[in-house]
Amino acid sequence: MTSSARGDAERAALAPVSPPRALLGGTFMGLANLVPGISGGTMLLACGVYTQFIGAIADLTTLRFSKRAIATLAWIGVPAALAILIFAKPIKELVETETWIMFALFIGLTLGGVPVVLRMVTRRGLGFCLGTAVGVAVMAWIAWERYSQAATSGDGAGAVGPVLLGVAGALGASAMILPGISGAFLLIILGVYTTILGAIADFGAWGRGLVFGRAEGAANVELGSVLSVVVPVGVGVVIGMVGVSSLLKWALARHKDTTLGALFGVLLGSLLSLWPFQRPLAPGSRLFEAYAPTLGQVLIAAALIAVGFVVTTAIDRFGNRVR
């Protein structure tokens, strides 16, 4: 990449963030990180605040504390955190009980982010094509492994220790930054999805009990058990965001088209794991099994895919008007 192109990438990362776009992006990023199949990074791309977000994180992790970086993270991070705390419990239950409905909606939301990624590409040459091929291949391999294991494994559950929770937090943070990679999907693969979302829901209930004076609500939560999950995950999140944000900022500045090609391939490849008509082998399982849908389910799923696509496209167009 030429020095001029690198300068363009740096300026994009330093551009001021639009508060309405950042609020929408943060809210959808928080929701996206609760559900398998859609990436928080994809939602930031769809809202047009992705480069500012990773630029702000990279600046702060290298101890460059500018007002712009702090404001960007505040506008995006606060609504994301609130969305996670508020919706962790209901979304977990919906994904477990209405998997096909949620997955169909996620497919549409993900497809709506495709044009956003393509607009960021300067040249769709060999580098972009190779990156796309690699991204699709990686996600296809993950999908194949998951589906093949479901046919031969038990319920996919396993013991959850602090090291595994830390790794899950680091991978989840990476998914916040990398468009097309679902943090919740990675948590399902690791078998800690229900554990982490349940702990977040309990932590939110404990916090609401303290803030609003409902002592009985806080007392019903075993804080020690909750913190034994939340703390290792939080440490992993910090490590993941520091490392991945700096690496991604460097890659976008010096190998933009190849990097975006890989991200585009990952986004497309993630659809392979979002076949709507599948269900967990057991609550909290990392493995899913497919089943034959009814005609009504197929028609409703198609409508939900269209709804998801329209929602993401509308967010993108709104962001462009604000800009």
Protein backbone atom coordinates (compact mmCIF):
# COMPACT_ATOMS: atom_id res chain seq x y z
CA MET A 1 0.00 0.00 0.00
CA THR A 2 1.26 3.48 -0.85
CA SER A 3 1.90 6.14 1.75
CA SER A 4 -1.16 8.02 0.45
CA ALA A 5 -3.41 5.00 0.93
CA ARG A 6 -2.02 4.41 4.41
CA GLY A 7 -2.75 8.03 5.20
CA ASP A 8 -6.35 7.60 4.03
CA ALA A 9 -6.78 4.63 6.34
CA GLU A 10 -5.32 6.52 9.29
CA ARG A 11 -7.55 9.53 8.62
CA ALA A 12 -10.63 7.29 8.47
CA ALA A 13 -9.78 5.89 11.88
CA LEU A 14 -9.38 9.40 13.29
CA ALA A 15 -12.57 10.85 11.76
CA PRO A 16 -15.05 12.15 14.35
CA VAL A 17 -17.82 9.70 15.16
CA SER A 18 -21.48 10.67 14.69
CA PRO A 19 -23.32 10.19 18.02
CA PRO A 20 -26.58 8.83 16.46
CA ARG A 21 -24.63 6.31 14.37
CA ALA A 22 -22.45 5.41 17.36
CA LEU A 23 -25.46 4.87 19.62
CA LEU A 24 -27.12 2.62 17.05
CA GLY A 25 -23.90 0.78 16.34
CA GLY A 26 -23.16 0.26 20.04
CA THR A 27 -26.66 -1.00 20.77
CA PHE A 28 -26.63 -3.44 17.85
CA MET A 29 -23.08 -4.51 18.67
CA GLY A 30 -24.17 -5.37 22.21
CA LEU A 31 -27.15 -7.34 20.93
CA ALA A 32 -25.03 -9.05 18.26
CA ASN A 33 -22.55 -10.26 20.84
CA LEU A 34 -25.36 -12.05 22.66
CA VAL A 35 -26.50 -14.17 19.74
CA PRO A 36 -24.76 -16.79 17.60
CA GLY A 37 -24.11 -16.02 13.98
CA ILE A 38 -23.82 -12.25 13.74
CA SER A 39 -20.79 -10.16 14.63
CA GLY A 40 -20.68 -6.97 16.61
CA GLY A 41 -18.08 -5.77 14.14
CA THR A 42 -20.55 -6.32 11.32
CA MET A 43 -23.06 -4.07 13.06
CA LEU A 44 -20.43 -1.36 13.49
CA LEU A 45 -19.63 -1.68 9.79
CA ALA A 46 -23.30 -1.40 8.94
CA CYS A 47 -23.60 1.78 11.03
CA GLY A 48 -20.42 3.25 9.53
CA VAL A 49 -18.42 3.60 12.78
CA TYR A 50 -16.15 0.55 12.50
CA THR A 51 -12.86 2.25 11.59
CA GLN A 52 -13.34 4.90 14.28
CA PHE A 53 -14.01 2.20 16.88
CA ILE A 54 -10.91 0.11 16.23
CA GLY A 55 -8.82 3.27 15.82
CA ALA A 56 -9.98 4.53 19.22
CA ILE A 57 -9.23 1.21 20.92
CA ALA A 58 -5.80 1.01 19.31
CA ASP A 59 -5.01 4.58 20.38
CA LEU A 60 -6.00 4.00 23.99
CA THR A 61 -4.14 0.70 24.23
CA THR A 62 -0.98 2.50 23.05
CA LEU A 63 -1.55 5.18 25.73
CA ARG A 64 -2.65 7.92 23.33
CA PHE A 65 -5.53 9.36 25.36
CA SER A 66 -7.26 11.80 23.03
CA LYS A 67 -10.71 13.29 23.66
CA ARG A 68 -11.87 11.90 20.33
CA ALA A 69 -10.86 8.33 21.17
CA ILE A 70 -12.45 8.48 24.62
CA ALA A 71 -15.67 9.99 23.23
CA THR A 72 -15.85 7.34 20.50
CA LEU A 73 -15.56 4.49 22.96
CA ALA A 74 -18.10 6.11 25.29
CA TRP A 75 -20.71 6.64 22.56
CA ILE A 76 -20.30 3.04 21.38
CA GLY A 77 -19.32 1.18 24.55
CA VAL A 78 -22.00 2.45 26.96
CA PRO A 79 -25.05 1.43 24.85
CA ALA A 80 -23.32 -1.87 24.01
CA ALA A 81 -22.81 -2.67 27.71
CA LEU A 82 -26.39 -1.70 28.57
CA ALA A 83 -27.77 -3.84 25.74
CA ILE A 84 -25.77 -6.84 26.96
CA LEU A 85 -26.90 -6.44 30.59
CA ILE A 86 -30.55 -5.88 29.72
CA PHE A 87 -31.05 -8.48 27.00
CA ALA A 88 -28.67 -11.30 28.04
CA LYS A 89 -31.37 -13.42 29.68
CA PRO A 90 -34.22 -13.04 27.14
CA ILE A 91 -31.98 -13.52 24.11
CA LYS A 92 -30.35 -16.60 25.61
CA GLU A 93 -33.79 -18.10 26.15
CA LEU A 94 -34.97 -17.16 22.64
CA VAL A 95 -31.91 -18.70 20.98
CA GLU A 96 -32.42 -21.90 22.95
CA THR A 97 -36.20 -22.16 22.43
CA GLU A 98 -36.76 -20.44 19.04
CA THR A 99 -33.49 -21.17 17.30
CA TRP A 100 -34.83 -21.23 13.74
CA ILE A 101 -36.57 -17.87 14.11
CA MET A 102 -33.52 -16.16 15.58
CA PHE A 103 -31.07 -17.70 13.10
CA ALA A 104 -33.21 -16.68 10.12
CA LEU A 105 -33.25 -13.10 11.41
CA PHE A 106 -29.48 -13.19 11.93
CA ILE A 107 -28.92 -14.32 8.34
CA GLY A 108 -30.74 -11.25 7.07
CA LEU A 109 -28.87 -8.94 9.42
CA THR A 110 -25.55 -10.42 8.27
CA LEU A 111 -26.41 -10.16 4.56
CA GLY A 112 -27.29 -6.51 5.07
CA GLY A 113 -23.71 -5.84 6.09
CA VAL A 114 -22.23 -7.22 2.85
CA PRO A 115 -22.57 -3.96 0.84
CA VAL A 116 -21.02 -2.02 3.72
CA VAL A 117 -17.87 -4.14 3.62
CA LEU A 118 -17.63 -3.97 -0.16
CA ARG A 119 -17.77 -0.16 -0.11
CA MET A 120 -14.65 -0.11 2.06
CA VAL A 121 -12.62 -2.03 -0.54
CA THR A 122 -10.36 0.12 -2.72
CA ARG A 123 -9.54 -2.55 -5.32
CA ARG A 124 -11.13 -5.97 -5.77
CA GLY A 125 -7.98 -7.50 -7.16
CA LEU A 126 -5.98 -10.62 -6.39
CA GLY A 127 -5.34 -9.71 -2.76
CA PHE A 128 -9.03 -9.19 -2.06
CA CYS A 129 -9.99 -12.44 -3.83
CA LEU A 130 -7.37 -14.47 -1.96
CA GLY A 131 -8.43 -12.98 1.35
CA THR A 132 -12.07 -13.76 0.60
CA ALA A 133 -11.25 -17.35 -0.31
CA VAL A 134 -9.30 -17.86 2.91
CA GLY A 135 -12.08 -16.34 5.01
CA VAL A 136 -14.78 -18.52 3.44
CA ALA A 137 -12.60 -21.63 3.76
CA VAL A 138 -11.97 -21.05 7.47
CA MET A 139 -15.67 -20.57 8.25
CA ALA A 140 -16.65 -23.54 6.06
CA TRP A 141 -14.21 -25.72 7.99
CA ILE A 142 -15.66 -24.53 11.33
CA ALA A 143 -19.20 -25.25 10.14
CA TRP A 144 -18.23 -28.69 8.85
CA GLU A 145 -16.49 -29.60 12.11
CA ARG A 146 -19.48 -28.51 14.17
CA TYR A 147 -22.05 -30.37 12.09
CA SER A 148 -19.93 -33.52 11.84
CA GLN A 149 -19.29 -33.57 15.60
CA ALA A 150 -23.01 -33.23 16.27
CA ALA A 151 -23.59 -36.53 14.51
CA THR A 152 -21.08 -38.44 16.66
CA SER A 153 -20.89 -36.61 20.01
CA GLY A 154 -23.02 -36.45 23.11
CA ASP A 155 -24.50 -33.20 24.37
CA GLY A 156 -21.34 -31.14 23.74
CA ALA A 157 -21.09 -30.00 27.33
CA GLY A 158 -17.91 -29.84 29.36
CA ALA A 159 -16.38 -28.46 32.54
CA VAL A 160 -15.92 -24.70 32.64
CA GLY A 161 -12.81 -23.40 34.40
CA PRO A 162 -11.24 -19.93 34.66
CA VAL A 163 -8.71 -20.57 31.88
CA LEU A 164 -11.42 -21.61 29.43
CA LEU A 165 -13.52 -18.60 30.47
CA GLY A 166 -10.54 -16.29 29.89
CA VAL A 167 -9.95 -17.76 26.45
CA ALA A 168 -13.65 -17.34 25.70
CA GLY A 169 -13.49 -13.69 26.76
CA ALA A 170 -10.47 -13.03 24.53
CA LEU A 171 -12.15 -14.69 21.53
CA GLY A 172 -15.38 -12.84 22.23
CA ALA A 173 -13.54 -9.52 22.30
CA SER A 174 -11.88 -10.38 19.01
CA ALA A 175 -15.30 -11.00 17.54
CA MET A 176 -16.42 -7.53 18.63
CA ILE A 177 -13.67 -6.14 16.42
CA LEU A 178 -13.61 -8.58 13.52
CA PRO A 179 -16.64 -8.21 11.21
CA GLY A 180 -18.28 -11.49 10.29
CA ILE A 181 -17.13 -13.44 13.34
CA SER A 182 -19.81 -14.10 15.94
CA GLY A 183 -18.64 -13.94 19.53
CA ALA A 184 -21.66 -15.90 20.74
CA PHE A 185 -21.00 -18.54 18.07
CA LEU A 186 -17.46 -18.97 19.40
CA LEU A 187 -18.84 -19.29 22.92
CA ILE A 188 -21.16 -22.06 21.75
CA ILE A 189 -18.22 -23.88 20.16
CA LEU A 190 -16.35 -23.66 23.47
CA GLY A 191 -19.43 -24.84 25.37
CA VAL A 192 -19.63 -21.77 27.65
CA TYR A 193 -22.45 -19.79 26.00
CA THR A 194 -25.15 -20.50 28.58
CA THR A 195 -22.70 -20.18 31.48
CA ILE A 196 -21.50 -16.72 30.46
CA LEU A 197 -24.90 -15.30 29.48
CA GLY A 198 -26.43 -16.65 32.66
CA ALA A 199 -23.70 -15.00 34.75
CA ILE A 200 -24.18 -11.70 32.91
CA ALA A 201 -27.93 -11.85 33.51
CA ASP A 202 -27.40 -12.55 37.23
CA PHE A 203 -24.84 -9.75 37.49
CA GLY A 204 -27.30 -7.35 35.87
CA ALA A 205 -30.03 -8.45 38.30
CA TRP A 206 -27.67 -7.89 41.23
CA GLY A 207 -26.75 -4.43 39.95
CA ARG A 208 -30.37 -3.43 39.40
CA GLY A 209 -31.23 -4.61 42.89
CA LEU A 210 -28.59 -2.31 44.37
CA VAL A 211 -29.37 0.70 42.17
CA PHE A 212 -33.15 0.61 42.58
CA GLY A 213 -33.14 -0.44 46.21
CA ARG A 214 -34.51 -3.93 45.69
CA ALA A 215 -32.30 -5.66 48.20
CA GLU A 216 -34.10 -8.97 47.80
CA GLY A 217 -33.17 -9.03 44.10
CA ALA A 218 -29.49 -8.59 44.88
CA ALA A 219 -29.67 -11.08 47.75
CA ASN A 220 -31.03 -13.80 45.47
CA VAL A 221 -27.83 -13.71 43.39
CA GLU A 222 -24.76 -15.62 44.53
CA LEU A 223 -22.25 -12.89 43.80
CA GLY A 224 -19.21 -15.06 44.37
CA SER A 225 -20.39 -17.60 41.81
CA VAL A 226 -21.21 -14.85 39.33
CA LEU A 227 -17.82 -13.15 39.74
CA SER A 228 -16.02 -16.46 39.27
CA VAL A 229 -17.35 -16.33 35.71
CA VAL A 230 -17.46 -12.58 35.01
CA VAL A 231 -13.92 -11.76 36.21
CA PRO A 232 -12.00 -14.32 34.05
CA VAL A 233 -14.15 -13.39 31.05
CA GLY A 234 -13.50 -9.68 31.66
CA VAL A 235 -9.73 -10.22 31.84
CA GLY A 236 -9.88 -12.16 28.58
CA VAL A 237 -11.92 -9.39 26.94
CA VAL A 238 -9.27 -6.79 27.82
CA ILE A 239 -6.46 -8.96 26.48
CA GLY A 240 -8.36 -9.75 23.30
CA MET A 241 -9.28 -6.15 22.54
CA VAL A 242 -5.77 -4.83 23.14
CA GLY A 243 -4.08 -7.39 20.91
CA VAL A 244 -6.58 -7.73 18.08
CA SER A 245 -7.39 -4.01 17.72
CA SER A 246 -3.73 -3.07 17.29
CA LEU A 247 -3.12 -5.92 14.84
CA LEU A 248 -6.22 -5.08 12.81
CA LYS A 249 -5.42 -1.38 12.66
CA TRP A 250 -1.95 -2.23 11.34
CA ALA A 251 -3.39 -4.68 8.76
CA LEU A 252 -5.99 -2.20 7.51
CA ALA A 253 -3.38 0.53 7.17
CA ARG A 254 -0.85 -1.58 5.22
CA HIS A 255 -2.83 -4.40 3.57
CA LYS A 256 -6.32 -2.96 3.45
CA ASP A 257 -7.82 -4.84 0.50
CA THR A 258 -6.46 -8.25 1.51
CA THR A 259 -7.60 -7.74 5.10
CA LEU A 260 -11.07 -6.63 4.02
CA GLY A 261 -11.20 -9.58 1.62
CA ALA A 262 -10.55 -11.95 4.52
CA LEU A 263 -13.19 -10.23 6.64
CA PHE A 264 -15.64 -10.35 3.74
CA GLY A 265 -15.00 -14.06 3.32
CA VAL A 266 -15.52 -14.67 7.02
CA LEU A 267 -18.81 -12.76 6.86
CA LEU A 268 -20.06 -14.84 3.93
CA GLY A 269 -18.75 -18.08 5.40
CA SER A 270 -20.50 -17.46 8.72
CA LEU A 271 -23.81 -17.98 6.91
CA LEU A 272 -22.93 -21.67 6.59
CA SER A 273 -23.31 -22.03 10.35
CA LEU A 274 -26.62 -20.17 10.39
CA TRP A 275 -28.85 -22.75 8.72
CA PRO A 276 -32.04 -21.85 10.60
CA PHE A 277 -33.45 -25.34 11.01
CA GLN A 278 -31.12 -26.68 13.66
CA ARG A 279 -31.33 -27.00 17.43
CA PRO A 280 -28.87 -27.48 20.30
CA LEU A 281 -28.28 -31.09 21.29
CA ALA A 282 -28.85 -29.92 24.88
CA PRO A 283 -29.28 -26.58 26.66
CA GLY A 284 -25.99 -24.71 26.44
CA SER A 285 -24.51 -27.26 24.05
CA ARG A 286 -21.83 -26.22 21.58
CA LEU A 287 -23.24 -28.64 19.02
CA PHE A 288 -26.39 -28.41 16.90
CA GLU A 289 -28.37 -30.95 14.92
CA ALA A 290 -30.37 -30.20 11.75
CA TYR A 291 -33.99 -31.19 11.24
CA ALA A 292 -36.56 -31.06 8.44
CA PRO A 293 -38.65 -27.87 8.55
CA THR A 294 -42.32 -27.47 7.72
CA LEU A 295 -43.43 -25.34 4.76
CA GLY A 296 -44.69 -22.69 7.16
CA GLN A 297 -41.30 -22.48 8.87
CA VAL A 298 -39.56 -22.09 5.51
CA LEU A 299 -41.86 -19.22 4.49
CA ILE A 300 -41.55 -17.47 7.86
CA ALA A 301 -37.76 -17.89 7.81
CA ALA A 302 -37.59 -16.31 4.33
CA ALA A 303 -39.64 -13.36 5.58
CA LEU A 304 -37.41 -12.95 8.63
CA ILE A 305 -34.29 -12.99 6.44
CA ALA A 306 -35.82 -10.17 4.40
CA VAL A 307 -36.68 -8.24 7.57
CA GLY A 308 -33.13 -8.59 8.90
CA PHE A 309 -31.66 -7.41 5.59
CA VAL A 310 -33.97 -4.39 5.51
CA VAL A 311 -33.09 -3.46 9.11
CA THR A 312 -29.33 -3.50 8.49
CA THR A 313 -29.72 -1.66 5.17
CA ALA A 314 -31.89 0.99 6.82
CA ILE A 315 -29.28 1.52 9.53
CA ASP A 316 -26.61 1.92 6.88
CA ARG A 317 -28.67 4.45 4.90
CA PHE A 318 -29.54 6.39 8.04
CA GLY A 319 -25.87 6.57 8.91
CA ASN A 320 -25.02 7.88 5.45
CA ARG A 321 -27.64 10.62 5.76
CA VAL A 322 -26.28 11.62 9.15
CA ARG A 323 -22.79 11.80 7.67
